[in-house]
């Protein structure tokens, strides 16, 4: 009876829940692409956890090992899909800025229900990825 009373207290329920439920990471999508000079292979993962969506980027070496390079947080966003070349996807590579290089497209929905097309490009000078921000004329 004591255990039943204690388990009904909200404070103890939250503590018990945190003991038994670990932060689950779920891979929603993955793509690979080659960037840079000389070209290197990159693995791009779209991951969901209790905080929202993240993009994690890893460089793949000759021995098929993955080295973590960058992470982009899409905090409190939910997964979303776009149609690209007659296929529906939640992570894609496309030349969004028409510069001749593939950009990363990661659609999401914010907590207000607004669709976002998060776009990242590879900056060859910095040898890293950066958000693509369009400038209006």
N, C-alpha and C. Protein backbone atom coordinates (compact mmCIF):
# COMPACT_ATOMS: atom_id res chain seq x y z
N UNK A 1 0.82 -1.19 0.00
CA UNK A 1 0.00 0.00 0.00
C UNK A 1 0.87 1.26 0.00
N UNK A 2 1.97 1.23 0.73
CA UNK A 2 2.88 2.37 0.77
C UNK A 2 3.45 2.61 -0.62
N UNK A 3 3.81 1.55 -1.33
CA UNK A 3 4.34 1.69 -2.68
C UNK A 3 3.31 2.31 -3.61
N UNK A 4 2.05 1.95 -3.48
CA UNK A 4 0.99 2.50 -4.33
C UNK A 4 0.82 3.99 -4.07
N UNK A 5 0.88 4.39 -2.81
CA UNK A 5 0.72 5.81 -2.47
C UNK A 5 1.92 6.60 -2.99
N UNK A 6 3.12 6.08 -2.77
CA UNK A 6 4.32 6.78 -3.24
C UNK A 6 4.36 6.88 -4.76
N UNK A 7 3.92 5.84 -5.45
CA UNK A 7 3.96 5.87 -6.92
C UNK A 7 2.93 6.82 -7.51
N UNK A 8 1.95 7.24 -6.70
CA UNK A 8 0.94 8.17 -7.22
C UNK A 8 1.40 9.63 -7.14
N UNK A 9 2.48 9.90 -6.43
CA UNK A 9 2.98 11.27 -6.33
C UNK A 9 3.68 11.67 -7.63
N UNK A 10 3.30 12.83 -8.22
CA UNK A 10 3.89 13.25 -9.50
C UNK A 10 5.41 13.38 -9.48
N UNK A 11 5.98 13.86 -8.39
CA UNK A 11 7.43 14.02 -8.32
C UNK A 11 8.12 12.67 -8.45
N UNK A 12 7.61 11.69 -7.75
CA UNK A 12 8.20 10.36 -7.81
C UNK A 12 7.95 9.70 -9.17
N UNK A 13 6.80 9.99 -9.78
CA UNK A 13 6.52 9.44 -11.11
C UNK A 13 7.54 9.94 -12.13
N UNK A 14 7.85 11.22 -12.09
CA UNK A 14 8.83 11.79 -13.02
C UNK A 14 10.22 11.20 -12.80
N UNK A 15 10.60 11.01 -11.53
CA UNK A 15 11.91 10.42 -11.25
C UNK A 15 11.97 8.97 -11.72
N UNK A 16 10.89 8.23 -11.50
CA UNK A 16 10.86 6.83 -11.95
C UNK A 16 10.89 6.75 -13.47
N UNK A 17 10.16 7.65 -14.14
CA UNK A 17 10.14 7.66 -15.60
C UNK A 17 11.53 7.94 -16.16
N UNK A 18 12.25 8.87 -15.53
CA UNK A 18 13.60 9.19 -16.02
C UNK A 18 14.56 8.04 -15.80
N UNK A 19 14.32 7.22 -14.79
CA UNK A 19 15.18 6.06 -14.55
C UNK A 19 14.98 4.98 -15.60
N UNK A 20 13.74 4.80 -16.04
CA UNK A 20 13.43 3.70 -16.94
C UNK A 20 13.39 4.09 -18.42
N UNK A 21 13.24 5.36 -18.72
CA UNK A 21 13.20 5.76 -20.13
C UNK A 21 14.43 6.59 -20.45
N UNK A 22 15.20 6.09 -21.35
CA UNK A 22 16.39 6.81 -21.79
C UNK A 22 16.04 7.64 -23.01
N UNK A 23 16.83 8.69 -23.24
CA UNK A 23 16.61 9.54 -24.41
C UNK A 23 16.86 8.70 -25.67
N UNK A 24 15.80 8.38 -26.36
CA UNK A 24 15.89 7.54 -27.55
C UNK A 24 16.23 8.40 -28.76
N UNK A 25 17.26 8.02 -29.48
CA UNK A 25 17.62 8.66 -30.74
C UNK A 25 17.16 7.76 -31.87
N UNK A 26 16.47 8.34 -32.81
CA UNK A 26 15.96 7.58 -33.94
C UNK A 26 16.49 8.19 -35.23
N UNK A 27 17.12 7.38 -36.07
CA UNK A 27 17.58 7.86 -37.36
C UNK A 27 16.37 7.89 -38.30
N UNK A 28 16.04 9.07 -38.77
CA UNK A 28 14.89 9.24 -39.67
C UNK A 28 15.28 9.05 -41.13
N UNK A 29 16.51 9.46 -41.47
CA UNK A 29 16.96 9.36 -42.86
C UNK A 29 18.47 9.50 -42.91
N UNK A 30 19.04 8.99 -44.00
CA UNK A 30 20.48 9.18 -44.20
C UNK A 30 20.77 9.25 -45.69
N UNK A 31 21.77 10.06 -46.02
CA UNK A 31 22.26 10.18 -47.39
C UNK A 31 23.77 10.30 -47.33
N UNK A 32 24.42 9.96 -48.43
CA UNK A 32 25.86 10.15 -48.54
C UNK A 32 26.15 10.99 -49.77
N UNK A 33 27.21 11.76 -49.70
CA UNK A 33 27.60 12.63 -50.81
C UNK A 33 29.08 12.93 -50.70
N UNK A 34 29.64 13.44 -51.79
CA UNK A 34 31.05 13.81 -51.85
C UNK A 34 31.16 15.32 -51.95
N UNK A 35 32.02 15.91 -51.10
CA UNK A 35 32.24 17.36 -51.08
C UNK A 35 33.72 17.64 -50.91
N UNK A 36 34.12 18.86 -51.30
CA UNK A 36 35.47 19.35 -51.03
C UNK A 36 36.47 19.05 -52.12
N UNK A 37 37.68 19.60 -51.91
CA UNK A 37 38.81 19.37 -52.81
C UNK A 37 40.01 19.04 -51.93
N UNK A 38 40.53 17.84 -51.97
CA UNK A 38 40.02 16.69 -52.74
C UNK A 38 38.69 16.22 -52.13
N UNK A 39 37.94 15.54 -52.95
CA UNK A 39 36.61 15.13 -52.51
C UNK A 39 36.68 14.10 -51.38
N UNK A 40 35.82 14.31 -50.42
CA UNK A 40 35.69 13.39 -49.29
C UNK A 40 34.23 12.95 -49.22
N UNK A 41 34.03 11.74 -48.74
CA UNK A 41 32.67 11.21 -48.60
C UNK A 41 32.11 11.63 -47.25
N UNK A 42 30.84 12.07 -47.27
CA UNK A 42 30.16 12.49 -46.05
C UNK A 42 28.87 11.70 -45.89
N UNK A 43 28.59 11.31 -44.65
CA UNK A 43 27.35 10.67 -44.28
C UNK A 43 26.52 11.71 -43.53
N UNK A 44 25.30 11.96 -43.99
CA UNK A 44 24.42 12.95 -43.38
C UNK A 44 23.23 12.20 -42.79
N UNK A 45 23.01 12.38 -41.49
CA UNK A 45 21.92 11.72 -40.79
C UNK A 45 20.91 12.74 -40.29
N UNK A 46 19.63 12.44 -40.45
CA UNK A 46 18.56 13.23 -39.85
C UNK A 46 18.07 12.41 -38.67
N UNK A 47 18.20 12.97 -37.47
CA UNK A 47 17.94 12.24 -36.24
C UNK A 47 16.86 12.93 -35.42
N UNK A 48 16.01 12.13 -34.80
CA UNK A 48 14.97 12.65 -33.91
C UNK A 48 15.24 12.15 -32.51
N UNK A 49 15.12 13.07 -31.53
CA UNK A 49 15.17 12.68 -30.13
C UNK A 49 14.12 13.51 -29.38
N UNK A 50 14.15 13.50 -28.08
CA UNK A 50 13.12 14.20 -27.31
C UNK A 50 13.19 15.72 -27.45
N UNK A 51 14.28 16.25 -27.96
CA UNK A 51 14.44 17.69 -28.11
C UNK A 51 14.01 18.19 -29.49
N UNK A 52 13.90 17.31 -30.45
CA UNK A 52 13.53 17.72 -31.80
C UNK A 52 14.34 16.97 -32.84
N UNK A 53 14.67 17.67 -33.91
CA UNK A 53 15.38 17.09 -35.04
C UNK A 53 16.79 17.67 -35.10
N UNK A 54 17.75 16.83 -35.45
CA UNK A 54 19.12 17.28 -35.68
C UNK A 54 19.64 16.69 -36.98
N UNK A 55 20.55 17.41 -37.60
CA UNK A 55 21.33 16.86 -38.70
C UNK A 55 22.72 16.64 -38.16
N UNK A 56 23.23 15.43 -38.34
CA UNK A 56 24.60 15.13 -37.94
C UNK A 56 25.36 14.76 -39.20
N UNK A 57 26.56 15.30 -39.33
CA UNK A 57 27.37 15.09 -40.52
C UNK A 57 28.68 14.43 -40.10
N UNK A 58 28.98 13.33 -40.78
CA UNK A 58 30.19 12.55 -40.51
C UNK A 58 31.01 12.44 -41.79
N UNK A 59 32.33 12.51 -41.65
CA UNK A 59 33.20 12.25 -42.78
C UNK A 59 33.57 10.76 -42.75
N UNK A 60 33.47 10.12 -43.90
CA UNK A 60 33.77 8.69 -44.01
C UNK A 60 35.19 8.55 -44.54
N UNK A 61 36.03 7.83 -43.79
CA UNK A 61 37.42 7.65 -44.20
C UNK A 61 37.57 6.38 -45.04
N UNK A 62 38.78 6.16 -45.53
CA UNK A 62 39.06 4.99 -46.37
C UNK A 62 38.73 3.67 -45.69
N UNK A 63 38.90 3.61 -44.39
CA UNK A 63 38.65 2.37 -43.65
C UNK A 63 37.18 2.25 -43.25
N UNK A 64 36.31 3.01 -43.90
CA UNK A 64 34.87 3.01 -43.63
C UNK A 64 34.56 3.44 -42.19
N UNK A 65 35.47 4.22 -41.60
CA UNK A 65 35.21 4.78 -40.28
C UNK A 65 34.55 6.14 -40.45
N UNK A 66 33.74 6.52 -39.49
CA UNK A 66 33.03 7.78 -39.55
C UNK A 66 33.54 8.72 -38.47
N UNK A 67 33.92 9.92 -38.90
CA UNK A 67 34.39 10.94 -37.98
C UNK A 67 33.36 12.05 -37.91
N UNK A 68 32.87 12.34 -36.70
CA UNK A 68 31.87 13.39 -36.53
C UNK A 68 32.45 14.73 -36.95
N UNK A 69 31.69 15.49 -37.78
CA UNK A 69 32.15 16.80 -38.26
C UNK A 69 31.30 17.94 -37.73
N UNK A 70 29.98 17.83 -37.89
CA UNK A 70 29.10 18.95 -37.54
C UNK A 70 27.73 18.45 -37.13
N UNK A 71 27.03 19.36 -36.43
CA UNK A 71 25.66 19.08 -36.03
C UNK A 71 24.85 20.36 -36.16
N UNK A 72 23.66 20.24 -36.72
CA UNK A 72 22.74 21.36 -36.82
C UNK A 72 21.47 20.99 -36.06
N UNK A 73 21.09 21.84 -35.11
CA UNK A 73 19.91 21.61 -34.29
C UNK A 73 18.68 22.25 -34.93
N UNK A 74 17.62 21.49 -35.03
CA UNK A 74 16.32 22.01 -35.47
C UNK A 74 15.39 21.83 -34.27
N UNK A 75 15.71 22.54 -33.20
CA UNK A 75 15.06 22.34 -31.91
C UNK A 75 13.54 22.46 -31.99
N UNK A 76 12.88 21.55 -31.35
CA UNK A 76 11.43 21.49 -31.21
C UNK A 76 10.71 21.37 -32.55
N UNK A 77 11.41 21.05 -33.62
CA UNK A 77 10.77 20.81 -34.91
C UNK A 77 10.40 19.34 -35.02
N UNK A 78 9.43 19.07 -35.87
CA UNK A 78 9.01 17.71 -36.18
C UNK A 78 9.44 17.38 -37.60
N UNK A 79 9.48 16.10 -37.89
CA UNK A 79 9.89 15.65 -39.22
C UNK A 79 8.84 16.04 -40.26
N UNK A 80 9.30 16.29 -41.47
CA UNK A 80 8.40 16.63 -42.58
C UNK A 80 8.98 16.04 -43.86
N UNK A 81 8.15 16.01 -44.88
CA UNK A 81 8.54 15.45 -46.17
C UNK A 81 8.32 16.47 -47.27
N UNK A 82 9.12 16.36 -48.33
CA UNK A 82 8.94 17.17 -49.53
C UNK A 82 8.91 16.23 -50.73
N UNK A 83 8.34 16.71 -51.81
CA UNK A 83 8.37 15.96 -53.07
C UNK A 83 9.43 16.58 -53.94
N UNK A 84 10.37 15.74 -54.37
CA UNK A 84 11.49 16.19 -55.18
C UNK A 84 11.69 15.16 -56.28
N UNK A 85 11.61 15.60 -57.52
CA UNK A 85 11.75 14.70 -58.67
C UNK A 85 10.79 13.51 -58.58
N UNK A 86 9.54 13.80 -58.24
CA UNK A 86 8.46 12.82 -58.17
C UNK A 86 8.63 11.78 -57.06
N UNK A 87 9.52 12.05 -56.11
CA UNK A 87 9.70 11.17 -54.96
C UNK A 87 9.51 11.98 -53.68
N UNK A 88 8.89 11.36 -52.70
CA UNK A 88 8.70 12.01 -51.41
C UNK A 88 9.81 11.59 -50.48
N UNK A 89 10.44 12.57 -49.81
CA UNK A 89 11.57 12.28 -48.94
C UNK A 89 11.62 13.27 -47.78
N UNK A 90 12.31 12.88 -46.71
CA UNK A 90 12.50 13.80 -45.59
C UNK A 90 13.96 14.27 -45.45
N UNK A 91 14.81 13.84 -46.39
CA UNK A 91 16.20 14.30 -46.46
C UNK A 91 16.67 14.10 -47.89
N UNK A 92 17.21 15.15 -48.48
CA UNK A 92 17.59 15.04 -49.90
C UNK A 92 18.82 15.89 -50.19
N UNK A 93 19.40 15.62 -51.36
CA UNK A 93 20.49 16.41 -51.90
C UNK A 93 20.01 17.01 -53.21
N UNK A 94 20.17 18.32 -53.35
CA UNK A 94 19.75 19.01 -54.56
C UNK A 94 20.52 20.33 -54.65
N UNK A 95 20.68 20.84 -55.85
CA UNK A 95 21.38 22.11 -56.05
C UNK A 95 20.39 23.26 -55.87
N UNK A 96 20.06 23.58 -54.63
CA UNK A 96 19.05 24.59 -54.32
C UNK A 96 19.48 26.00 -54.73
N UNK A 97 20.76 26.33 -54.60
CA UNK A 97 21.22 27.68 -54.92
C UNK A 97 21.80 27.79 -56.32
N UNK A 98 21.68 26.72 -57.10
CA UNK A 98 22.11 26.72 -58.52
C UNK A 98 23.57 27.11 -58.71
N UNK A 99 24.44 26.64 -57.80
CA UNK A 99 25.87 26.92 -57.93
C UNK A 99 26.65 25.73 -58.48
N UNK A 100 25.95 24.65 -58.85
CA UNK A 100 26.61 23.48 -59.40
C UNK A 100 27.02 22.45 -58.36
N UNK A 101 26.70 22.69 -57.08
CA UNK A 101 27.06 21.77 -56.00
C UNK A 101 25.79 21.36 -55.26
N UNK A 102 25.75 20.11 -54.81
CA UNK A 102 24.58 19.62 -54.09
C UNK A 102 24.48 20.23 -52.70
N UNK A 103 23.28 20.63 -52.34
CA UNK A 103 22.98 21.17 -51.02
C UNK A 103 22.15 20.14 -50.27
N UNK A 104 22.17 20.21 -48.95
CA UNK A 104 21.38 19.32 -48.12
C UNK A 104 20.03 19.97 -47.86
N UNK A 105 18.95 19.24 -48.13
CA UNK A 105 17.59 19.72 -47.88
C UNK A 105 16.99 18.86 -46.77
N UNK A 106 16.60 19.49 -45.67
CA UNK A 106 16.04 18.77 -44.53
C UNK A 106 14.74 19.46 -44.10
N UNK A 107 13.60 19.05 -44.67
CA UNK A 107 12.34 19.69 -44.30
C UNK A 107 11.93 19.37 -42.87
N UNK A 108 11.26 20.33 -42.23
CA UNK A 108 10.74 20.13 -40.88
C UNK A 108 9.52 21.03 -40.70
N UNK A 109 8.80 20.78 -39.62
CA UNK A 109 7.63 21.59 -39.26
C UNK A 109 7.88 22.14 -37.87
N UNK A 110 7.75 23.47 -37.71
CA UNK A 110 7.97 24.04 -36.38
C UNK A 110 6.72 23.83 -35.51
N UNK A 111 6.79 24.22 -34.26
CA UNK A 111 5.69 23.94 -33.33
C UNK A 111 4.42 24.72 -33.66
N UNK A 112 4.52 25.73 -34.53
CA UNK A 112 3.34 26.48 -34.98
C UNK A 112 2.73 25.91 -36.25
N UNK A 113 3.31 24.82 -36.75
CA UNK A 113 2.80 24.18 -37.96
C UNK A 113 3.35 24.75 -39.25
N UNK A 114 4.37 25.58 -39.16
CA UNK A 114 4.98 26.17 -40.35
C UNK A 114 6.02 25.23 -40.94
N UNK A 115 5.93 24.98 -42.23
CA UNK A 115 6.89 24.12 -42.92
C UNK A 115 8.19 24.89 -43.13
N UNK A 116 9.31 24.26 -42.84
CA UNK A 116 10.62 24.86 -43.06
C UNK A 116 11.42 23.95 -44.00
N UNK A 117 12.07 24.55 -44.95
CA UNK A 117 12.99 23.80 -45.80
C UNK A 117 14.40 24.22 -45.39
N UNK A 118 14.94 23.51 -44.41
CA UNK A 118 16.28 23.79 -43.91
C UNK A 118 17.29 23.35 -44.96
N UNK A 119 18.10 24.28 -45.42
CA UNK A 119 19.03 24.02 -46.51
C UNK A 119 20.45 24.36 -46.05
N UNK A 120 21.37 23.44 -46.33
CA UNK A 120 22.77 23.60 -45.92
C UNK A 120 23.67 23.39 -47.12
N UNK A 121 24.69 24.23 -47.25
CA UNK A 121 25.62 24.11 -48.36
C UNK A 121 27.02 23.87 -47.82
N UNK A 122 27.85 23.29 -48.66
CA UNK A 122 29.24 23.04 -48.29
C UNK A 122 30.08 24.23 -48.68
N UNK A 123 30.80 24.80 -47.73
CA UNK A 123 31.68 25.93 -47.97
C UNK A 123 33.10 25.36 -48.16
N UNK A 124 33.59 25.39 -49.40
CA UNK A 124 34.89 24.79 -49.71
C UNK A 124 36.04 25.54 -49.03
N UNK A 125 35.90 26.85 -48.83
CA UNK A 125 36.96 27.62 -48.18
C UNK A 125 37.12 27.24 -46.71
N UNK A 126 35.99 26.98 -46.04
CA UNK A 126 36.02 26.62 -44.63
C UNK A 126 36.04 25.11 -44.41
N UNK A 127 35.82 24.35 -45.50
CA UNK A 127 35.76 22.90 -45.45
C UNK A 127 34.71 22.43 -44.43
N UNK A 128 33.55 23.10 -44.46
CA UNK A 128 32.47 22.76 -43.53
C UNK A 128 31.13 23.15 -44.15
N UNK A 129 30.07 22.70 -43.52
CA UNK A 129 28.72 23.00 -43.97
C UNK A 129 28.20 24.22 -43.24
N UNK A 130 27.30 24.95 -43.90
CA UNK A 130 26.70 26.12 -43.30
C UNK A 130 25.27 26.25 -43.81
N UNK A 131 24.41 26.88 -42.99
CA UNK A 131 23.02 27.10 -43.45
C UNK A 131 23.02 28.00 -44.69
N UNK A 132 22.19 27.67 -45.63
CA UNK A 132 22.04 28.50 -46.83
C UNK A 132 21.00 29.56 -46.53
N UNK A 133 21.42 30.80 -46.60
CA UNK A 133 20.52 31.92 -46.33
C UNK A 133 20.39 32.70 -47.63
N UNK A 134 19.16 32.78 -48.12
CA UNK A 134 18.93 33.52 -49.38
C UNK A 134 18.84 35.01 -49.06
N UNK A 135 19.50 35.80 -49.89
CA UNK A 135 19.49 37.25 -49.74
C UNK A 135 18.54 37.83 -50.76
N UNK A 136 17.60 38.66 -50.29
CA UNK A 136 16.65 39.31 -51.20
C UNK A 136 17.28 40.56 -51.79
N UNK A 137 17.03 40.80 -53.07
CA UNK A 137 17.55 42.01 -53.73
C UNK A 137 16.61 43.15 -53.60
